[in-house]
Amino acid sequence: MRIDIDDKELEEIRKKKIEAALRHMNKKEVRVKVYRTSSCPYCHMAAEYLRSRGVEFEEIDVGNDMQAAMEMVRKSGQMGVPVIDIDGKIIIGFNRPAIDAALAEK
């Protein structure tokens, strides 16, 4: 099977691939952790909100991991969940404006 492509189409394909590669290289990886418990509805809402924004994150269940719970308290000074850590910016509770602001800074 042979596919005919003219030079202009080929150049457009190359240009799009180069632009995509540059966007990927320039994109700073944002590290996000969500400290949560399995029974917390606000934790589930926070996770769904981050997913809807296309944010990759690590979920940490502090109800089953005492070391993670201690890390969360050390970072936030709080025992309540969710606690969201966006590159060191700590957000307590499901606070959309604070999440958006922290993501926009990155």
N, C-alpha and C. Protein backbone atom coordinates (compact mmCIF):
# COMPACT_ATOMS: atom_id res chain seq x y z
N MET A 1 0.83 -1.18 0.00
CA MET A 1 0.00 0.00 0.00
C MET A 1 0.88 1.25 0.00
N ARG A 2 0.54 2.18 -0.82
CA ARG A 2 1.30 3.41 -0.93
C ARG A 2 0.40 4.58 -0.60
N ILE A 3 0.93 5.50 0.20
CA ILE A 3 0.18 6.70 0.57
C ILE A 3 0.87 7.89 -0.08
N ASP A 4 0.08 8.64 -0.85
CA ASP A 4 0.64 9.84 -1.49
C ASP A 4 0.37 11.05 -0.61
N ILE A 5 1.44 11.76 -0.33
CA ILE A 5 1.35 12.96 0.49
C ILE A 5 2.22 14.01 -0.19
N ASP A 6 1.70 15.20 -0.33
CA ASP A 6 2.52 16.23 -0.96
C ASP A 6 3.40 16.92 0.09
N ASP A 7 4.35 17.71 -0.38
CA ASP A 7 5.32 18.35 0.51
C ASP A 7 4.65 19.28 1.52
N LYS A 8 3.63 19.97 1.11
CA LYS A 8 2.94 20.90 2.01
C LYS A 8 2.28 20.14 3.17
N GLU A 9 1.63 19.03 2.86
CA GLU A 9 0.99 18.22 3.92
C GLU A 9 2.04 17.63 4.86
N LEU A 10 3.13 17.17 4.28
CA LEU A 10 4.21 16.61 5.08
C LEU A 10 4.80 17.67 6.01
N GLU A 11 4.98 18.87 5.51
CA GLU A 11 5.52 19.96 6.32
C GLU A 11 4.57 20.31 7.47
N GLU A 12 3.27 20.30 7.21
CA GLU A 12 2.28 20.57 8.26
C GLU A 12 2.34 19.50 9.35
N ILE A 13 2.49 18.26 8.96
CA ILE A 13 2.60 17.16 9.93
C ILE A 13 3.85 17.35 10.78
N ARG A 14 4.97 17.65 10.14
CA ARG A 14 6.22 17.89 10.87
C ARG A 14 6.08 19.04 11.85
N LYS A 15 5.47 20.12 11.38
CA LYS A 15 5.30 21.31 12.21
C LYS A 15 4.47 20.99 13.46
N LYS A 16 3.38 20.25 13.29
CA LYS A 16 2.53 19.89 14.42
C LYS A 16 3.27 18.99 15.41
N LYS A 17 4.06 18.06 14.91
CA LYS A 17 4.83 17.18 15.79
C LYS A 17 5.87 17.97 16.57
N ILE A 18 6.54 18.90 15.92
CA ILE A 18 7.54 19.73 16.60
C ILE A 18 6.88 20.60 17.66
N GLU A 19 5.75 21.21 17.34
CA GLU A 19 5.03 22.04 18.32
C GLU A 19 4.61 21.21 19.53
N ALA A 20 4.11 20.02 19.29
CA ALA A 20 3.69 19.15 20.38
C ALA A 20 4.88 18.77 21.25
N ALA A 21 6.01 18.47 20.64
CA ALA A 21 7.21 18.11 21.40
C ALA A 21 7.69 19.29 22.24
N LEU A 22 7.67 20.49 21.68
CA LEU A 22 8.09 21.69 22.42
C LEU A 22 7.15 21.97 23.59
N ARG A 23 5.86 21.81 23.37
CA ARG A 23 4.89 22.01 24.48
C ARG A 23 5.19 21.03 25.60
N HIS A 24 5.45 19.79 25.22
CA HIS A 24 5.74 18.76 26.23
C HIS A 24 7.03 19.09 26.99
N MET A 25 8.06 19.56 26.28
CA MET A 25 9.33 19.88 26.92
C MET A 25 9.21 21.08 27.85
N ASN A 26 8.40 22.06 27.48
CA ASN A 26 8.26 23.28 28.26
C ASN A 26 7.27 23.16 29.41
N LYS A 27 6.50 22.10 29.41
CA LYS A 27 5.50 21.91 30.45
C LYS A 27 6.18 21.48 31.74
N LYS A 28 6.01 22.27 32.79
CA LYS A 28 6.60 21.92 34.07
C LYS A 28 5.69 20.89 34.75
N GLU A 29 6.31 19.85 35.24
CA GLU A 29 5.54 18.83 35.93
C GLU A 29 5.15 19.35 37.31
N VAL A 30 3.87 19.35 37.58
CA VAL A 30 3.35 19.79 38.87
C VAL A 30 3.11 18.55 39.72
N ARG A 31 3.64 18.55 40.91
CA ARG A 31 3.48 17.41 41.82
C ARG A 31 2.31 17.70 42.74
N VAL A 32 1.30 16.83 42.70
CA VAL A 32 0.09 17.02 43.50
C VAL A 32 -0.18 15.76 44.31
N LYS A 33 -0.45 15.97 45.60
CA LYS A 33 -0.84 14.88 46.49
C LYS A 33 -2.16 15.25 47.14
N VAL A 34 -3.05 14.27 47.23
CA VAL A 34 -4.32 14.47 47.93
C VAL A 34 -4.34 13.49 49.10
N TYR A 35 -4.27 14.05 50.31
CA TYR A 35 -4.38 13.24 51.52
C TYR A 35 -5.87 13.11 51.81
N ARG A 36 -6.34 11.87 51.97
CA ARG A 36 -7.77 11.63 52.07
C ARG A 36 -8.07 10.41 52.92
N THR A 37 -9.36 10.22 53.17
CA THR A 37 -9.85 8.96 53.73
C THR A 37 -10.90 8.43 52.76
N SER A 38 -11.15 7.16 52.83
CA SER A 38 -12.10 6.55 51.89
C SER A 38 -13.53 6.99 52.13
N SER A 39 -13.86 7.42 53.34
CA SER A 39 -15.25 7.78 53.65
C SER A 39 -15.54 9.27 53.51
N CYS A 40 -14.57 10.06 53.13
CA CYS A 40 -14.73 11.52 53.07
C CYS A 40 -15.31 11.96 51.73
N PRO A 41 -16.54 12.52 51.72
CA PRO A 41 -17.13 12.95 50.45
C PRO A 41 -16.38 14.13 49.82
N TYR A 42 -15.82 15.02 50.64
CA TYR A 42 -15.08 16.16 50.09
C TYR A 42 -13.77 15.71 49.45
N CYS A 43 -13.21 14.64 49.96
CA CYS A 43 -12.00 14.07 49.36
C CYS A 43 -12.30 13.54 47.96
N HIS A 44 -13.43 12.86 47.84
CA HIS A 44 -13.84 12.33 46.52
C HIS A 44 -14.13 13.48 45.56
N MET A 45 -14.76 14.54 46.07
CA MET A 45 -15.06 15.70 45.22
C MET A 45 -13.76 16.37 44.76
N ALA A 46 -12.79 16.49 45.65
CA ALA A 46 -11.51 17.11 45.29
C ALA A 46 -10.81 16.28 44.22
N ALA A 47 -10.80 14.97 44.39
CA ALA A 47 -10.16 14.09 43.41
C ALA A 47 -10.86 14.19 42.06
N GLU A 48 -12.18 14.19 42.06
CA GLU A 48 -12.93 14.31 40.79
C GLU A 48 -12.66 15.66 40.13
N TYR A 49 -12.58 16.71 40.93
CA TYR A 49 -12.30 18.04 40.37
C TYR A 49 -10.93 18.06 39.69
N LEU A 50 -9.92 17.51 40.37
CA LEU A 50 -8.59 17.47 39.77
C LEU A 50 -8.59 16.64 38.49
N ARG A 51 -9.28 15.51 38.51
CA ARG A 51 -9.37 14.69 37.29
C ARG A 51 -10.04 15.47 36.15
N SER A 52 -11.10 16.22 36.49
CA SER A 52 -11.82 16.97 35.45
C SER A 52 -10.94 18.06 34.84
N ARG A 53 -9.95 18.52 35.59
CA ARG A 53 -9.02 19.53 35.09
C ARG A 53 -7.82 18.89 34.39
N GLY A 54 -7.78 17.55 34.39
CA GLY A 54 -6.68 16.85 33.73
C GLY A 54 -5.39 16.83 34.53
N VAL A 55 -5.51 17.01 35.85
CA VAL A 55 -4.34 17.04 36.72
C VAL A 55 -4.03 15.62 37.21
N GLU A 56 -2.79 15.21 37.04
CA GLU A 56 -2.36 13.93 37.59
C GLU A 56 -1.98 14.16 39.05
N PHE A 57 -2.37 13.22 39.90
CA PHE A 57 -2.09 13.38 41.32
C PHE A 57 -1.98 12.03 41.99
N GLU A 58 -1.40 12.07 43.18
CA GLU A 58 -1.25 10.87 43.99
C GLU A 58 -2.27 10.96 45.13
N GLU A 59 -3.07 9.91 45.29
CA GLU A 59 -4.03 9.86 46.40
C GLU A 59 -3.40 9.07 47.53
N ILE A 60 -3.45 9.64 48.72
CA ILE A 60 -2.86 9.00 49.89
C ILE A 60 -3.95 8.84 50.93
N ASP A 61 -4.28 7.59 51.25
CA ASP A 61 -5.33 7.28 52.22
C ASP A 61 -4.74 7.30 53.62
N VAL A 62 -4.96 8.39 54.33
CA VAL A 62 -4.39 8.54 55.67
C VAL A 62 -5.15 7.72 56.71
N GLY A 63 -6.29 7.17 56.33
CA GLY A 63 -7.02 6.29 57.23
C GLY A 63 -6.35 4.93 57.36
N ASN A 64 -5.54 4.56 56.39
CA ASN A 64 -4.87 3.26 56.39
C ASN A 64 -3.35 3.36 56.50
N ASP A 65 -2.82 4.57 56.59
CA ASP A 65 -1.37 4.75 56.59
C ASP A 65 -0.99 5.80 57.64
N MET A 66 -0.59 5.33 58.82
CA MET A 66 -0.28 6.24 59.93
C MET A 66 0.88 7.17 59.61
N GLN A 67 1.88 6.67 58.89
CA GLN A 67 3.02 7.50 58.53
C GLN A 67 2.58 8.64 57.60
N ALA A 68 1.70 8.34 56.66
CA ALA A 68 1.18 9.37 55.76
C ALA A 68 0.33 10.37 56.53
N ALA A 69 -0.44 9.88 57.51
CA ALA A 69 -1.26 10.77 58.34
C ALA A 69 -0.36 11.75 59.10
N MET A 70 0.73 11.25 59.64
CA MET A 70 1.66 12.12 60.36
C MET A 70 2.30 13.14 59.41
N GLU A 71 2.62 12.71 58.20
CA GLU A 71 3.17 13.63 57.19
C GLU A 71 2.17 14.73 56.87
N MET A 72 0.89 14.35 56.73
CA MET A 72 -0.16 15.32 56.43
C MET A 72 -0.29 16.35 57.55
N VAL A 73 -0.29 15.88 58.79
CA VAL A 73 -0.42 16.78 59.94
C VAL A 73 0.80 17.70 60.03
N ARG A 74 1.98 17.16 59.76
CA ARG A 74 3.20 17.97 59.78
C ARG A 74 3.12 19.09 58.72
N LYS A 75 2.62 18.75 57.55
CA LYS A 75 2.52 19.74 56.47
C LYS A 75 1.44 20.79 56.71
N SER A 76 0.29 20.33 57.23
CA SER A 76 -0.87 21.21 57.29
C SER A 76 -1.22 21.72 58.68
N GLY A 77 -0.76 21.01 59.72
CA GLY A 77 -1.18 21.36 61.07
C GLY A 77 -2.62 20.94 61.35
N GLN A 78 -3.19 20.14 60.46
CA GLN A 78 -4.59 19.74 60.55
C GLN A 78 -4.71 18.22 60.56
N MET A 79 -5.77 17.75 61.21
CA MET A 79 -6.06 16.32 61.16
C MET A 79 -7.23 16.04 60.22
N GLY A 80 -7.92 17.08 59.78
CA GLY A 80 -9.05 16.91 58.87
C GLY A 80 -8.59 16.72 57.44
N VAL A 81 -9.44 16.09 56.65
CA VAL A 81 -9.16 15.85 55.25
C VAL A 81 -10.27 16.46 54.40
N PRO A 82 -10.03 16.73 53.14
CA PRO A 82 -8.79 16.52 52.41
C PRO A 82 -7.76 17.61 52.69
N VAL A 83 -6.52 17.23 52.52
CA VAL A 83 -5.41 18.17 52.48
C VAL A 83 -4.75 17.94 51.13
N ILE A 84 -4.60 19.01 50.38
CA ILE A 84 -4.06 18.93 49.03
C ILE A 84 -2.73 19.67 49.00
N ASP A 85 -1.72 18.99 48.52
CA ASP A 85 -0.38 19.56 48.41
C ASP A 85 -0.07 19.72 46.93
N ILE A 86 0.01 20.97 46.49
CA ILE A 86 0.33 21.27 45.09
C ILE A 86 1.70 21.93 45.07
N ASP A 87 2.72 21.14 44.78
CA ASP A 87 4.11 21.61 44.78
C ASP A 87 4.46 22.38 46.05
N GLY A 88 4.04 21.87 47.20
CA GLY A 88 4.36 22.49 48.48
C GLY A 88 3.36 23.51 48.97
N LYS A 89 2.42 23.91 48.12
CA LYS A 89 1.34 24.82 48.54
C LYS A 89 0.25 23.95 49.15
N ILE A 90 -0.05 24.14 50.43
CA ILE A 90 -0.99 23.29 51.15
C ILE A 90 -2.37 23.93 51.14
N ILE A 91 -3.35 23.14 50.72
CA ILE A 91 -4.74 23.58 50.68
C ILE A 91 -5.53 22.65 51.59
N ILE A 92 -6.22 23.25 52.54
CA ILE A 92 -7.00 22.46 53.49
C ILE A 92 -8.46 22.49 53.06
N GLY A 93 -9.03 21.31 52.90
CA GLY A 93 -10.42 21.21 52.45
C GLY A 93 -10.51 21.27 50.94
N PHE A 94 -11.72 21.08 50.44
CA PHE A 94 -11.97 21.15 49.00
C PHE A 94 -12.31 22.60 48.66
N ASN A 95 -11.29 23.34 48.25
CA ASN A 95 -11.39 24.77 47.99
C ASN A 95 -11.01 25.01 46.53
N ARG A 96 -12.01 25.05 45.65
CA ARG A 96 -11.74 25.19 44.21
C ARG A 96 -10.91 26.41 43.86
N PRO A 97 -11.27 27.61 44.38
CA PRO A 97 -10.46 28.78 44.01
C PRO A 97 -9.00 28.64 44.43
N ALA A 98 -8.74 28.06 45.60
CA ALA A 98 -7.36 27.87 46.06
C ALA A 98 -6.64 26.84 45.19
N ILE A 99 -7.33 25.79 44.81
CA ILE A 99 -6.75 24.77 43.91
C ILE A 99 -6.39 25.41 42.58
N ASP A 100 -7.35 26.15 42.01
CA ASP A 100 -7.11 26.80 40.71
C ASP A 100 -5.94 27.77 40.79
N ALA A 101 -5.87 28.55 41.87
CA ALA A 101 -4.78 29.52 42.02
C ALA A 101 -3.44 28.82 42.13
N ALA A 102 -3.38 27.73 42.90
CA ALA A 102 -2.12 27.00 43.07
C ALA A 102 -1.69 26.36 41.76
N LEU A 103 -2.63 25.85 40.99
CA LEU A 103 -2.29 25.25 39.70
C LEU A 103 -1.85 26.32 38.70
N ALA A 104 -2.46 27.50 38.77
CA ALA A 104 -2.13 28.57 37.84
C ALA A 104 -0.73 29.11 38.09
N GLU A 105 -0.25 29.02 39.32
CA GLU A 105 1.10 29.49 39.66
C GLU A 105 2.18 28.63 39.02
N LYS A 106 1.84 27.41 38.65
CA LYS A 106 2.84 26.46 38.15
C LYS A 106 2.95 26.48 36.66
